[in-house]
Amino acid sequence: MSDQMIEATTSPAQIVQQAAASYLSISNAPGCCIAVYDQKSFGTKGYVYPKGLSGVPGSSPTPFAVTTDTVFEIGSVTKVFTSTLLAYAVNAGAAFLNDNVGYWLNYGHSFSPEPVGTTVLDAIQLWQFATHTSGMPEQPNGLSDYSKNLFADELPPTDVINWWNQYDTPPPGCWQYSNIGFVTLGFAVTQMFPTDTGHNYNEMLAKYVTGLLGMKQTGAVVDPSWLIAQGCIGHWSKSTQPPYPIVFDGNTPTGGSAFDLKSTGDDMLKFLAAQIEAPKGPLGPQIALTQKSQGTFPVCGATNSVTMGLGWQITTDRQGYTVFTKNGATSKGGFEAIVIVVPELQCGVAVLSNQYFDASGVHPAGMAPGSTALKIISRLHPGFELTEPLAEPEPFD
């Protein structure tokens, strides 16, 4: 039987299943869960496929088979949720994208009785944080666990406020990925909602985003009833010859240590559906605002450029379809995730994995969750191919 005949007889569900099996085989990840919203293939119900284990075999607690409601850390995919909260406030008329961040960091003096920030920091506008053009570094020097308080619904700690009060780098007019920039934005957004001003991230997310989308197991705070995946940290070997074996960091599962959102395949399917339905459907206007291009920016110190929505990176496929992507990883928690949405194809894929690899060593082709997501879309929609490579995930801890 020819390859073309095999392809023709492969069902959409089998395409997803094969991609999951291939991903686990290449990456050696303990498990994964893949959510696919594709109206052509699955109607409006979508399809969620779990495979593998919640942790490394032999670890404690005893791993279980991944299910559609197993909870994974999603790392920097969190940024799109923060952007959606910002879009909600803007759509409600409570804030504007060109507001100076200093207005919100000092709103009601919730964070400090004294003014917060410097003249340079306070003048940076909200949209610049949401597009990684604020000028802030990827990780701040001298700060650790700087995102903890935001996702624990606590006020910013003294060391973060002190860092704000010494900040002296204006926006450079180019794109530079920044975790601390999005944490700063997150704290500003918590000031835009009246309840528990300044320390209400989870409450506002549940009320205005995840609750409206029916995402019952998505948040930074893990409920004891949730089925929790354990993260695993792996390191590529230094070998220059295949098969490039993977060395595990003591084969020790981690998890729960990263300060980000957690979610499930079931919940991410609802998130995908809402992205594709925009500007209609739940949160349609707000999601449409996050998907609106804010500009194309040269990458600082490089020759390429990045087109940004609010939190989303925007690219195209070779047929001209607009593609929204966001990936994430937790280098402490041991997870990777990616979301890719192609509204014109009414297709979106989210891959959740309980494995994180450091940047050293040789990376075999196809080992990243993004490769798996693209493989699924291209098989469901022959001819789909991005015009540029996916960005590498940046750890968010």
Protein backbone atom coordinates (compact mmCIF):
# COMPACT_ATOMS: atom_id res chain seq x y z
CA MET A 1 0.00 0.00 0.00
CA SER A 2 1.41 3.39 -0.95
CA ASP A 3 2.07 6.18 1.54
CA GLN A 4 -0.67 8.24 -0.13
CA MET A 5 -3.20 5.47 0.42
CA ILE A 6 -2.13 5.09 4.04
CA GLU A 7 -2.53 8.85 4.56
CA ALA A 8 -5.98 8.80 2.94
CA THR A 9 -7.20 6.10 5.32
CA THR A 10 -5.80 7.73 8.46
CA SER A 11 -8.55 9.35 10.54
CA PRO A 12 -8.07 12.76 12.19
CA ALA A 13 -8.02 11.08 15.60
CA GLN A 14 -5.31 8.71 14.43
CA ILE A 15 -3.26 11.64 13.16
CA VAL A 16 -3.28 13.13 16.67
CA GLN A 17 -2.56 9.78 18.28
CA GLN A 18 0.38 9.13 15.97
CA ALA A 19 1.80 12.57 16.64
CA ALA A 20 1.59 12.01 20.41
CA ALA A 21 3.32 8.63 20.13
CA SER A 22 6.04 10.12 17.93
CA TYR A 23 6.60 13.02 20.34
CA LEU A 24 7.01 10.73 23.35
CA SER A 25 9.33 8.46 21.37
CA ILE A 26 11.62 11.30 20.28
CA SER A 27 11.58 13.36 23.47
CA ASN A 28 11.39 10.57 26.07
CA ALA A 29 8.89 12.74 27.93
CA PRO A 30 6.90 10.73 30.49
CA GLY A 31 3.58 11.95 29.10
CA CYS A 32 1.66 14.54 27.15
CA CYS A 33 -1.85 15.72 26.43
CA ILE A 34 -2.85 17.20 23.07
CA ALA A 35 -5.96 19.30 22.53
CA VAL A 36 -7.14 19.89 18.95
CA TYR A 37 -9.96 22.17 17.90
CA ASP A 38 -10.57 21.65 14.20
CA GLN A 39 -14.08 22.10 12.85
CA LYS A 40 -13.31 20.28 9.61
CA SER A 41 -12.12 17.17 11.44
CA PHE A 42 -13.89 17.12 14.81
CA GLY A 43 -16.74 19.62 14.56
CA THR A 44 -17.14 21.99 17.49
CA LYS A 45 -16.49 19.30 20.11
CA GLY A 46 -12.82 19.04 19.32
CA TYR A 47 -10.55 16.24 20.41
CA VAL A 48 -8.29 15.76 23.42
CA TYR A 49 -5.79 12.92 23.48
CA PRO A 50 -3.71 12.01 26.56
CA LYS A 51 -0.78 9.61 26.35
CA GLY A 52 1.91 8.35 28.69
CA LEU A 53 2.39 8.81 32.41
CA SER A 54 2.05 11.70 34.83
CA GLY A 55 5.65 11.21 35.96
CA VAL A 56 8.83 9.24 35.46
CA PRO A 57 8.24 5.51 36.07
CA GLY A 58 9.28 4.55 39.58
CA SER A 59 8.95 8.07 40.95
CA SER A 60 6.90 9.10 43.95
CA PRO A 61 4.01 9.60 44.12
CA THR A 62 3.26 6.68 41.84
CA PRO A 63 2.63 7.98 38.31
CA PHE A 64 -0.75 7.39 36.72
CA ALA A 65 -1.87 7.32 33.11
CA VAL A 66 -2.34 10.88 31.81
CA THR A 67 -5.99 11.81 31.34
CA THR A 68 -7.71 14.70 29.59
CA ASP A 69 -8.03 16.46 32.94
CA THR A 70 -4.46 15.94 34.15
CA VAL A 71 -2.96 19.29 35.17
CA PHE A 72 0.28 20.51 33.54
CA GLU A 73 2.25 23.72 34.05
CA ILE A 74 1.97 25.91 30.95
CA GLY A 75 4.88 28.29 31.56
CA SER A 76 4.88 31.38 29.38
CA VAL A 77 1.57 30.49 27.74
CA THR A 78 0.45 32.26 30.93
CA LYS A 79 1.32 35.53 29.19
CA VAL A 80 -1.64 35.23 26.82
CA PHE A 81 -3.96 34.92 29.82
CA THR A 82 -2.44 38.03 31.38
CA SER A 83 -2.90 39.83 28.06
CA THR A 84 -6.53 38.72 27.94
CA LEU A 85 -7.10 40.21 31.39
CA LEU A 86 -5.55 43.44 30.12
CA ALA A 87 -7.80 43.32 27.06
CA TYR A 88 -10.82 42.84 29.31
CA ALA A 89 -9.95 45.99 31.26
CA VAL A 90 -9.35 47.95 28.05
CA ASN A 91 -12.59 46.73 26.48
CA ALA A 92 -14.46 47.76 29.64
CA GLY A 93 -12.99 51.27 29.43
CA ALA A 94 -11.07 50.86 32.69
CA ALA A 95 -7.68 51.24 31.01
CA PHE A 96 -6.02 52.11 27.70
CA LEU A 97 -3.19 50.28 25.97
CA ASN A 98 -1.18 53.51 25.84
CA ASP A 99 -1.54 54.16 29.59
CA ASN A 100 1.80 54.70 31.29
CA VAL A 101 2.56 51.79 33.60
CA GLY A 102 3.48 54.20 36.39
CA TYR A 103 -0.16 55.28 36.64
CA TRP A 104 -1.19 51.73 37.50
CA LEU A 105 1.80 50.78 39.64
CA ASN A 106 0.96 53.79 41.80
CA TYR A 107 -2.83 53.50 41.59
CA GLY A 108 -4.23 54.03 45.08
CA HIS A 109 -0.71 53.52 46.48
CA SER A 110 -1.60 49.87 46.98
CA PHE A 111 1.99 48.69 46.47
CA SER A 112 3.75 51.31 48.55
CA PRO A 113 2.83 54.54 50.34
CA GLU A 114 5.74 56.13 48.49
CA PRO A 115 5.79 56.53 44.68
CA VAL A 116 6.81 53.35 42.86
CA GLY A 117 9.17 53.34 39.86
CA THR A 118 11.44 55.83 38.16
CA THR A 119 10.69 58.47 35.57
CA VAL A 120 11.95 56.05 32.91
CA LEU A 121 9.90 53.07 34.10
CA ASP A 122 6.71 54.96 34.78
CA ALA A 123 6.63 56.35 31.23
CA ILE A 124 6.62 52.91 29.55
CA GLN A 125 3.21 52.12 28.09
CA LEU A 126 1.16 48.99 28.76
CA TRP A 127 1.20 47.78 25.15
CA GLN A 128 5.00 47.82 25.20
CA PHE A 129 5.05 45.28 28.02
CA ALA A 130 2.47 43.12 26.22
CA THR A 131 4.59 43.10 23.04
CA HIS A 132 8.04 42.61 24.62
CA THR A 133 9.16 46.06 23.50
CA SER A 134 9.42 47.64 26.96
CA GLY A 135 13.20 47.29 27.04
CA MET A 136 13.16 45.14 30.16
CA PRO A 137 15.53 42.15 30.22
CA GLU A 138 14.39 38.56 29.92
CA GLN A 139 15.34 37.90 33.55
CA PRO A 140 16.23 40.61 36.09
CA ASN A 141 19.64 40.53 37.76
CA GLY A 142 19.52 39.99 41.49
CA LEU A 143 15.92 38.80 41.66
CA SER A 144 14.69 35.25 42.15
CA ASP A 145 11.11 33.99 42.33
CA TYR A 146 10.03 37.50 41.32
CA SER A 147 6.77 36.18 39.84
CA LYS A 148 5.78 34.25 42.97
CA ASN A 149 3.76 36.98 44.63
CA LEU A 150 1.79 37.84 41.51
CA PHE A 151 0.51 34.29 41.09
CA ALA A 152 0.08 33.80 44.84
CA ASP A 153 -2.26 36.83 44.97
CA GLU A 154 0.14 38.79 47.11
CA LEU A 155 1.46 42.35 46.78
CA PRO A 156 4.82 42.77 45.02
CA PRO A 157 7.73 41.99 47.35
CA THR A 158 10.17 44.61 48.50
CA ASP A 159 12.96 43.43 46.18
CA VAL A 160 10.72 43.82 43.11
CA ILE A 161 9.65 47.30 44.20
CA ASN A 162 13.30 48.21 44.80
CA TRP A 163 14.14 46.93 41.30
CA TRP A 164 11.37 49.09 39.84
CA ASN A 165 12.68 52.05 41.83
CA GLN A 166 16.11 51.73 40.18
CA TYR A 167 15.00 50.95 36.63
CA ASP A 168 16.73 53.16 34.06
CA THR A 169 16.39 51.51 30.61
CA PRO A 170 13.93 53.17 28.21
CA PRO A 171 12.25 51.21 25.40
CA PRO A 172 14.88 50.63 22.68
CA GLY A 173 12.42 50.39 19.80
CA CYS A 174 13.11 46.70 19.26
CA TRP A 175 11.77 43.35 20.47
CA GLN A 176 13.35 41.71 23.51
CA TYR A 177 11.57 38.88 25.28
CA SER A 178 11.00 39.74 28.92
CA ASN A 179 9.54 37.65 31.73
CA ILE A 180 9.98 40.43 34.28
CA GLY A 181 8.23 42.80 31.86
CA PHE A 182 5.15 40.61 31.83
CA VAL A 183 5.24 40.22 35.61
CA THR A 184 5.33 44.02 35.87
CA LEU A 185 2.37 44.16 33.49
CA GLY A 186 0.57 41.54 35.58
CA PHE A 187 0.92 43.60 38.73
CA ALA A 188 -0.36 46.66 36.85
CA VAL A 189 -3.37 44.72 35.59
CA THR A 190 -4.30 43.65 39.13
CA GLN A 191 -4.85 47.34 39.89
CA MET A 192 -7.49 47.67 37.17
CA PHE A 193 -10.14 45.59 38.93
CA PRO A 194 -11.83 46.84 42.09
CA THR A 195 -11.80 43.71 44.27
CA ASP A 196 -8.64 43.17 46.37
CA THR A 197 -6.75 45.72 44.31
CA GLY A 198 -3.14 44.76 43.70
CA HIS A 199 -3.31 41.13 44.81
CA ASN A 200 -6.16 39.55 42.90
CA TYR A 201 -4.66 37.86 39.83
CA ASN A 202 -6.30 34.46 40.30
CA GLU A 203 -9.60 35.93 41.40
CA MET A 204 -9.82 38.22 38.39
CA LEU A 205 -8.64 35.49 36.00
CA ALA A 206 -11.34 33.14 37.27
CA LYS A 207 -14.03 35.80 37.11
CA TYR A 208 -13.26 37.46 33.79
CA VAL A 209 -11.39 34.85 31.71
CA THR A 210 -11.30 31.19 32.70
CA GLY A 211 -14.72 31.28 34.35
CA LEU A 212 -16.36 32.76 31.28
CA LEU A 213 -14.70 30.12 29.11
CA GLY A 214 -15.69 27.25 31.39
CA MET A 215 -12.07 26.42 32.22
CA LYS A 216 -12.52 24.86 35.64
CA GLN A 217 -8.99 23.56 36.19
CA THR A 218 -6.85 26.47 35.08
CA GLY A 219 -5.10 28.72 37.57
CA ALA A 220 -1.88 29.36 39.43
CA VAL A 221 -3.12 27.80 42.67
CA VAL A 222 -3.53 24.03 42.48
CA ASP A 223 -6.70 22.59 43.99
CA PRO A 224 -6.08 19.43 46.06
CA SER A 225 -8.68 17.56 44.01
CA TRP A 226 -6.84 18.05 40.72
CA LEU A 227 -4.87 15.25 39.06
CA ILE A 228 -1.36 16.71 38.98
CA ALA A 229 1.38 15.74 36.53
CA GLN A 230 4.94 15.70 37.83
CA GLY A 231 7.51 17.62 35.85
CA CYS A 232 10.74 16.08 34.65
CA ILE A 233 13.97 17.88 33.81
CA GLY A 234 16.19 16.35 31.14
CA HIS A 235 19.51 17.33 29.62
CA TRP A 236 20.67 16.52 26.12
CA SER A 237 23.96 14.70 25.95
CA LYS A 238 26.96 16.40 24.41
CA SER A 239 27.28 13.66 21.79
CA THR A 240 27.65 14.83 18.20
CA GLN A 241 26.43 11.48 16.88
CA PRO A 242 22.91 10.08 16.91
CA PRO A 243 20.89 9.07 18.86
CA TYR A 244 21.88 11.98 21.13
CA PRO A 245 20.87 10.28 24.41
CA ILE A 246 19.10 12.26 27.11
CA VAL A 247 20.47 12.46 30.64
CA PHE A 248 17.91 13.06 33.36
CA ASP A 249 18.78 15.27 36.30
CA GLY A 250 18.90 12.50 38.88
CA ASN A 251 15.69 11.17 37.32
CA THR A 252 13.96 13.29 39.91
CA PRO A 253 10.45 14.51 39.15
CA THR A 254 9.76 18.07 40.11
CA GLY A 255 6.62 20.14 39.78
CA GLY A 256 4.74 22.80 41.66
CA SER A 257 7.80 25.03 42.00
CA ALA A 258 7.20 27.28 39.00
CA PHE A 259 5.03 30.33 39.41
CA ASP A 260 2.76 30.28 36.41
CA LEU A 261 -0.64 28.96 35.41
CA LYS A 262 -1.55 25.29 35.26
CA SER A 263 -4.13 23.78 32.92
CA THR A 264 -5.48 20.59 31.37
CA GLY A 265 -6.14 19.31 27.88
CA ASP A 266 -9.88 19.68 28.43
CA ASP A 267 -9.50 23.31 29.47
CA MET A 268 -7.08 24.17 26.69
CA LEU A 269 -9.60 22.86 24.16
CA LYS A 270 -12.05 25.49 25.43
CA PHE A 271 -9.32 28.12 25.18
CA LEU A 272 -8.63 27.11 21.57
CA ALA A 273 -12.32 27.25 20.67
CA ALA A 274 -12.62 30.76 22.07
CA GLN A 275 -9.58 31.93 20.09
CA ILE A 276 -11.07 30.64 16.85
CA GLU A 277 -14.56 32.03 17.51
CA ALA A 278 -13.35 35.58 18.18
CA PRO A 279 -14.67 38.21 17.81
CA LYS A 280 -17.80 36.16 18.49
CA GLY A 281 -18.28 33.75 21.35
CA PRO A 282 -17.14 34.05 24.96
CA LEU A 283 -14.73 36.94 25.44
CA GLY A 284 -14.87 37.50 21.68
CA PRO A 285 -14.03 41.24 21.66
CA GLN A 286 -11.31 40.82 24.28
CA ILE A 287 -9.67 37.91 22.49
CA ALA A 288 -9.91 39.75 19.17
CA LEU A 289 -7.96 42.60 20.77
CA THR A 290 -5.19 40.23 21.90
CA GLN A 291 -5.00 38.93 18.32
CA LYS A 292 -4.80 42.38 16.76
CA SER A 293 -1.34 43.19 15.46
CA GLN A 294 0.41 45.86 17.50
CA GLY A 295 3.26 46.11 15.02
CA THR A 296 6.30 44.35 13.60
CA PHE A 297 9.46 44.97 15.58
CA PRO A 298 13.13 44.24 14.81
CA VAL A 299 14.66 41.82 17.29
CA CYS A 300 17.24 43.58 19.45
CA GLY A 301 20.72 42.67 18.29
CA ALA A 302 19.49 40.52 15.38
CA THR A 303 18.40 40.88 11.77
CA ASN A 304 14.95 39.28 11.99
CA SER A 305 11.71 40.78 13.25
CA VAL A 306 8.66 39.72 15.24
CA THR A 307 5.01 40.67 14.72
CA MET A 308 3.14 40.89 18.00
CA GLY A 309 -0.42 40.91 19.21
CA LEU A 310 -0.93 41.20 22.96
CA GLY A 311 1.06 38.24 24.23
CA TRP A 312 0.70 36.37 20.93
CA GLN A 313 3.45 36.12 18.35
CA ILE A 314 1.91 36.44 14.90
CA THR A 315 3.23 34.78 11.79
CA THR A 316 1.83 33.38 8.53
CA ASP A 317 1.84 30.16 6.61
CA ARG A 318 2.87 29.92 2.97
CA GLN A 319 -0.77 30.13 1.86
CA GLY A 320 -1.19 33.46 3.64
CA TYR A 321 -3.09 32.28 6.72
CA THR A 322 -2.49 34.23 9.92
CA VAL A 323 -1.04 32.08 12.70
CA PHE A 324 -0.94 32.89 16.42
CA THR A 325 1.63 31.09 18.54
CA LYS A 326 2.75 31.05 22.16
CA ASN A 327 4.97 28.51 23.81
CA GLY A 328 6.28 28.08 27.31
CA ALA A 329 8.52 26.06 29.57
CA THR A 330 9.31 25.83 33.26
CA SER A 331 12.95 25.03 33.94
CA LYS A 332 12.26 24.46 37.63
CA GLY A 333 8.94 22.71 37.23
CA GLY A 334 9.96 20.54 34.30
CA PHE A 335 7.18 21.22 31.78
CA GLU A 336 6.78 22.48 28.21
CA ALA A 337 3.68 23.68 26.37
CA ILE A 338 2.63 25.37 23.16
CA VAL A 339 -0.54 26.80 21.65
CA ILE A 340 -0.92 27.40 17.89
CA VAL A 341 -4.12 28.90 16.47
CA VAL A 342 -5.06 29.37 12.79
CA PRO A 343 -8.50 31.02 12.82
CA GLU A 344 -8.93 30.99 9.03
CA LEU A 345 -8.61 27.20 9.08
CA GLN A 346 -10.77 27.01 12.22
CA CYS A 347 -7.93 25.00 13.69
CA GLY A 348 -5.92 25.18 16.88
CA VAL A 349 -3.61 22.81 18.73
CA ALA A 350 -2.27 22.84 22.27
CA VAL A 351 0.41 20.41 23.43
CA LEU A 352 1.12 19.96 27.15
CA SER A 353 4.18 17.95 28.22
CA ASN A 354 5.73 17.09 31.58
CA GLN A 355 9.29 17.45 30.41
CA TYR A 356 11.71 20.35 30.07
CA PHE A 357 15.11 20.25 28.36
CA ASP A 358 17.90 22.68 28.97
CA ALA A 359 19.50 24.43 26.02
CA SER A 360 22.79 22.51 25.99
CA GLY A 361 23.66 19.57 23.80
CA VAL A 362 22.32 18.48 20.43
CA HIS A 363 18.57 18.66 19.85
CA PRO A 364 17.14 15.94 17.60
CA ALA A 365 14.66 17.24 15.04
CA GLY A 366 11.02 17.01 16.09
CA MET A 367 11.64 16.85 19.82
CA ALA A 368 9.78 20.07 20.71
CA PRO A 369 6.03 20.23 21.40
CA GLY A 370 5.83 22.89 18.67
CA SER A 371 6.99 20.41 16.04
CA THR A 372 4.22 18.06 17.13
CA ALA A 373 1.56 20.77 16.94
CA LEU A 374 2.68 21.83 13.46
CA LYS A 375 2.74 18.23 12.28
CA ILE A 376 -0.89 17.78 13.35
CA ILE A 377 -2.05 20.97 11.61
CA SER A 378 -0.19 20.18 8.41
CA ARG A 379 -1.68 16.67 8.26
CA LEU A 380 -5.21 17.91 8.97
CA HIS A 381 -4.71 20.74 6.44
CA PRO A 382 -2.27 19.62 3.72
CA GLY A 383 -0.19 22.49 2.43
CA PHE A 384 0.03 24.25 5.79
CA GLU A 385 3.59 25.37 6.46
CA LEU A 386 4.93 28.30 8.47
CA THR A 387 6.99 30.92 6.67
CA GLU A 388 9.42 31.10 9.61
CA PRO A 389 10.56 28.74 12.37
CA LEU A 390 8.79 28.69 15.71
CA ALA A 391 10.52 30.55 18.53
CA GLU A 392 12.30 28.49 21.16
CA PRO A 393 10.40 28.39 24.48
CA GLU A 394 11.73 30.70 27.17
CA PRO A 395 11.64 29.29 30.72
CA PHE A 396 9.21 31.08 33.00
CA ASP A 397 10.05 30.52 36.67
